[in-house]
C-alpha atoms as a PDB file:
ATOM      1  CA  PRO A   1       0.000   0.000   0.000  1.00  0.00           C
ATOM      2  CA  ARG A   2       1.017   3.578  -0.641  1.00  0.00           C
ATOM      3  CA  HIS A   3       0.650   6.728   1.413  1.00  0.00           C
ATOM      4  CA  ARG A   4       1.018  10.316   0.270  1.00  0.00           C
ATOM      5  CA  LYS A   5       4.006  11.175  -1.897  1.00  0.00           C
ATOM      6  CA  GLY A   6       4.448   7.530  -2.880  1.00  0.00           C
ATOM      7  CA  ARG A   7       5.888   6.406   0.456  1.00  0.00           C
ATOM      8  CA  ARG A   8       5.163   2.834   1.449  1.00  0.00           C
ATOM      9  CA  ARG A   9       2.941   2.369   4.474  1.00  0.00           C
ATOM     10  CA  ARG A  10       4.006   0.045   7.252  1.00  0.00           C
ATOM     11  CA  ARG A  11       1.849  -2.990   7.732  1.00  0.00           C
ATOM     12  CA  PRO A  12       1.169  -4.497  11.144  1.00  0.00           C
ATOM     13  CA  GLY A  13       3.466  -7.429  12.026  1.00  0.00           C
ATOM     14  CA  TRP A  14       3.151 -11.040  13.129  1.00  0.00           C
ATOM     15  CA  PRO A  15       0.148 -12.440  15.034  1.00  0.00           C
ATOM     16  CA  GLY A  16       0.164 -11.339  18.669  1.00  0.00           C
ATOM     17  CA  SER A  17       3.074  -8.932  18.218  1.00  0.00           C
ATOM     18  CA  ARG A  18       3.159  -5.424  19.628  1.00  0.00           C
ATOM     19  CA  ARG A  19       4.036  -2.285  17.774  1.00  0.00           C
ATOM     20  CA  ALA A  20       5.741   0.845  19.062  1.00  0.00           C
ATOM     21  CA  GLY A  21       5.448   3.702  16.607  1.00  0.00           C
ATOM     22  CA  HIS A  22       7.791   6.662  16.639  1.00  0.00           C
ATOM     23  CA  ARG A  23       9.370   9.009  14.132  1.00  0.00           C
ATOM     24  CA  ARG A  24      11.860  11.624  15.262  1.00  0.00           C
ATOM     25  CA  ALA A  25      12.125  14.268  12.539  1.00  0.00           C
ATOM     26  CA  GLN A  26      12.660  11.691   9.837  1.00  0.00           C
ATOM     27  CA  PRO A  27      10.023  12.334   7.163  1.00  0.00           C
ATOM     28  CA  CYS A  28      11.572   9.727   4.866  1.00  0.00           C
ATOM     29  CA  TRP A  29      10.359   6.912   7.136  1.00  0.00           C
ATOM     30  CA  PRO A  30       7.201   5.186   5.944  1.00  0.00           C
ATOM     31  CA  GLN A  31       3.995   6.283   7.609  1.00  0.00           C
ATOM     32  CA  LEU A  32       1.916   3.885   9.664  1.00  0.00           C
ATOM     33  CA  ASP A  33      -1.272   2.689   7.965  1.00  0.00           C
ATOM     34  CA  GLN A  34      -3.662   3.697  10.748  1.00  0.00           C
ATOM     35  CA  GLU A  35      -6.669   1.808   9.364  1.00  0.00           C
ATOM     36  CA  ALA A  36      -4.627  -1.382   9.013  1.00  0.00           C
ATOM     37  CA  LEU A  37      -3.321  -0.967  12.561  1.00  0.00           C
ATOM     38  CA  VAL A  38      -6.833  -0.680  14.021  1.00  0.00           C
ATOM     39  CA  ALA A  39      -7.964  -3.688  11.958  1.00  0.00           C
ATOM     40  CA  ALA A  40      -4.970  -5.744  13.148  1.00  0.00           C
ATOM     41  CA  LEU A  41      -5.669  -4.832  16.780  1.00  0.00           C
ATOM     42  CA  ASP A  42      -9.374  -5.620  16.443  1.00  0.00           C
ATOM     43  CA  SER A  43      -8.649  -8.998  14.819  1.00  0.00           C
ATOM     44  CA  GLY A  44      -6.014  -9.970  17.403  1.00  0.00           C
ATOM     45  CA  ARG A  45      -3.196 -10.034  14.855  1.00  0.00           C
ATOM     46  CA  LEU A  46      -1.554  -7.390  17.061  1.00  0.00           C
ATOM     47  CA  SER A  47      -2.036  -7.388  20.813  1.00  0.00           C
ATOM     48  CA  ALA A  48      -1.136  -3.736  21.469  1.00  0.00           C
ATOM     49  CA  ALA A  49       0.336  -0.585  19.948  1.00  0.00           C
ATOM     50  CA  MET A  50       2.187   2.330  21.509  1.00  0.00           C
ATOM     51  CA  ILE A  51       2.158   5.436  19.331  1.00  0.00           C
ATOM     52  CA  ASP A  52       4.269   8.528  20.022  1.00  0.00           C
ATOM     53  CA  VAL A  53       4.001  10.355  16.684  1.00  0.00           C
ATOM     54  CA  THR A  54       0.814  10.616  14.648  1.00  0.00           C
ATOM     55  CA  ASP A  55      -0.207  11.992  11.280  1.00  0.00           C
ATOM     56  CA  PRO A  56      -1.797  14.463  11.656  1.00  0.00           C
ATOM     57  CA  GLU A  57      -0.418  15.672  14.940  1.00  0.00           C
ATOM     58  CA  PRO A  58      -2.216  16.204  17.183  1.00  0.00           C
ATOM     59  CA  LEU A  59      -4.932  13.736  16.265  1.00  0.00           C
ATOM     60  CA  PRO A  60      -8.399  15.240  15.924  1.00  0.00           C
ATOM     61  CA  SER A  61     -10.900  14.563  18.692  1.00  0.00           C
ATOM     62  CA  GLY A  62     -12.941  11.498  17.834  1.00  0.00           C
ATOM     63  CA  HIS A  63     -10.004   9.729  16.141  1.00  0.00           C
ATOM     64  CA  PRO A  64     -10.167   5.976  16.918  1.00  0.00           C
ATOM     65  CA  PHE A  65      -6.686   5.970  18.482  1.00  0.00           C
ATOM     66  CA  TRP A  66      -7.962   8.102  21.403  1.00  0.00           C
ATOM     67  CA  SER A  67     -10.471   5.498  22.566  1.00  0.00           C
ATOM     68  CA  HIS A  68      -9.041   2.188  21.342  1.00  0.00           C
ATOM     69  CA  PRO A  69      -8.407  -0.082  24.362  1.00  0.00           C
ATOM     70  CA  LYS A  70      -5.264  -1.604  22.812  1.00  0.00           C
ATOM     71  CA  ILE A  71      -3.574   1.675  21.830  1.00  0.00           C
ATOM     72  CA  ILE A  72      -1.403   3.737  24.155  1.00  0.00           C
ATOM     73  CA  LEU A  73      -0.744   7.278  22.896  1.00  0.00           C
ATOM     74  CA  THR A  74       2.095   9.420  24.148  1.00  0.00           C
ATOM     75  CA  PRO A  75       2.463  13.123  23.278  1.00  0.00           C
ATOM     76  CA  HIS A  76       5.511  12.970  20.954  1.00  0.00           C
ATOM     77  CA  VAL A  77       8.021  12.679  23.771  1.00  0.00           C
ATOM     78  CA  ALA A  78       9.860   9.422  23.013  1.00  0.00           C
ATOM     79  CA  SER A  79      13.606   9.865  22.880  1.00  0.00           C
ATOM     80  CA  VAL A  80      16.827   8.651  24.419  1.00  0.00           C
ATOM     81  CA  THR A  81      17.303   9.996  27.943  1.00  0.00           C
ATOM     82  CA  GLN A  82      20.557  11.860  28.463  1.00  0.00           C
ATOM     83  CA  PRO A  83      21.585  11.407  32.127  1.00  0.00           C
ATOM     84  CA  ALA A  84      23.038  14.904  32.535  1.00  0.00           C
ATOM     85  CA  THR A  85      20.010  16.740  31.143  1.00  0.00           C
ATOM     86  CA  ALA A  86      17.540  14.396  32.853  1.00  0.00           C
ATOM     87  CA  ALA A  87      19.206  14.949  36.229  1.00  0.00           C
ATOM     88  CA  ARG A  88      19.125  18.715  35.695  1.00  0.00           C
ATOM     89  CA  ALA A  89      15.401  18.567  34.834  1.00  0.00           C
ATOM     90  CA  VAL A  90      14.642  16.549  37.982  1.00  0.00           C
ATOM     91  CA  ILE A  91      16.621  18.962  40.153  1.00  0.00           C
ATOM     92  CA  ASP A  92      14.891  21.968  38.553  1.00  0.00           C
ATOM     93  CA  ASN A  93      11.456  20.435  39.165  1.00  0.00           C
ATOM     94  CA  ILE A  94      12.305  19.661  42.799  1.00  0.00           C
ATOM     95  CA  LYS A  95      13.269  23.317  43.229  1.00  0.00           C
ATOM     96  CA  ARG A  96      10.010  24.403  41.558  1.00  0.00           C
ATOM     97  CA  HIS A  97       7.999  22.097  43.832  1.00  0.00           C
ATOM     98  CA  ARG A  98       9.702  23.481  46.939  1.00  0.00           C
ATOM     99  CA  ALA A  99       8.915  27.005  45.715  1.00  0.00           C
ATOM    100  CA  GLY A 100       5.232  26.090  45.325  1.00  0.00           C
ATOM    101  CA  LEU A 101       5.351  26.099  41.507  1.00  0.00           C
ATOM    102  CA  ASP A 102       4.038  23.480  39.081  1.00  0.00           C
ATOM    103  CA  PRO A 103       6.707  21.207  37.612  1.00  0.00           C
ATOM    104  CA  ILE A 104       7.808  21.666  34.017  1.00  0.00           C
ATOM    105  CA  GLY A 105       6.314  18.990  31.758  1.00  0.00           C
ATOM    106  CA  LEU A 106       3.208  18.405  33.850  1.00  0.00           C
ATOM    107  CA  VAL A 107       0.848  15.985  32.060  1.00  0.00           C
ATOM    108  CA  ASP A 108      -2.729  17.109  31.408  1.00  0.00           C
ATOM    109  CA  ARG A 109      -4.686  13.866  31.868  1.00  0.00           C
ATOM    110  CA  SER A 110      -7.889  15.540  30.668  1.00  0.00           C
ATOM    111  CA  ARG A 111      -6.339  15.583  27.166  1.00  0.00           C
ATOM    112  CA  GLY A 112      -6.161  11.783  27.113  1.00  0.00           C
ATOM    113  CA  TYR A 113      -2.459  11.205  27.689  1.00  0.00           C
END
C-alpha cells in the first residue's frame, strides 16, 4: 500500500506482536497505515500498539486511536534519555515544587495522555 508522496505504508506485524510507533524528525520513514493498525488490533493479529508520533499531529478529537483499548498514545516525547540533562530537569522540578510552583512537563490527563 502507498501513502502520500508515494511512500510505502508500514503494515502491522506477526500475530500477537506489539508495535511501538515513533518518528523523530525523519520524514523519509514510511507512515503507519492507521486503518490497518486498528484492523490488526481488532482482529487480534496485534495485541497492542504504543504510538508517540501521529499523522496528523495532534490527532483530531474522535479519532479511533484516542479510545481504542489496545492503543497507548504518548504526546511525541519518546527519545533517548541523556543522564546529565535528565538529572538537571529533575533537580529543577524539585526546586520548583519546593517554591510552590508546578513542575515543568506536567501531564494534562484531561487531554487523554
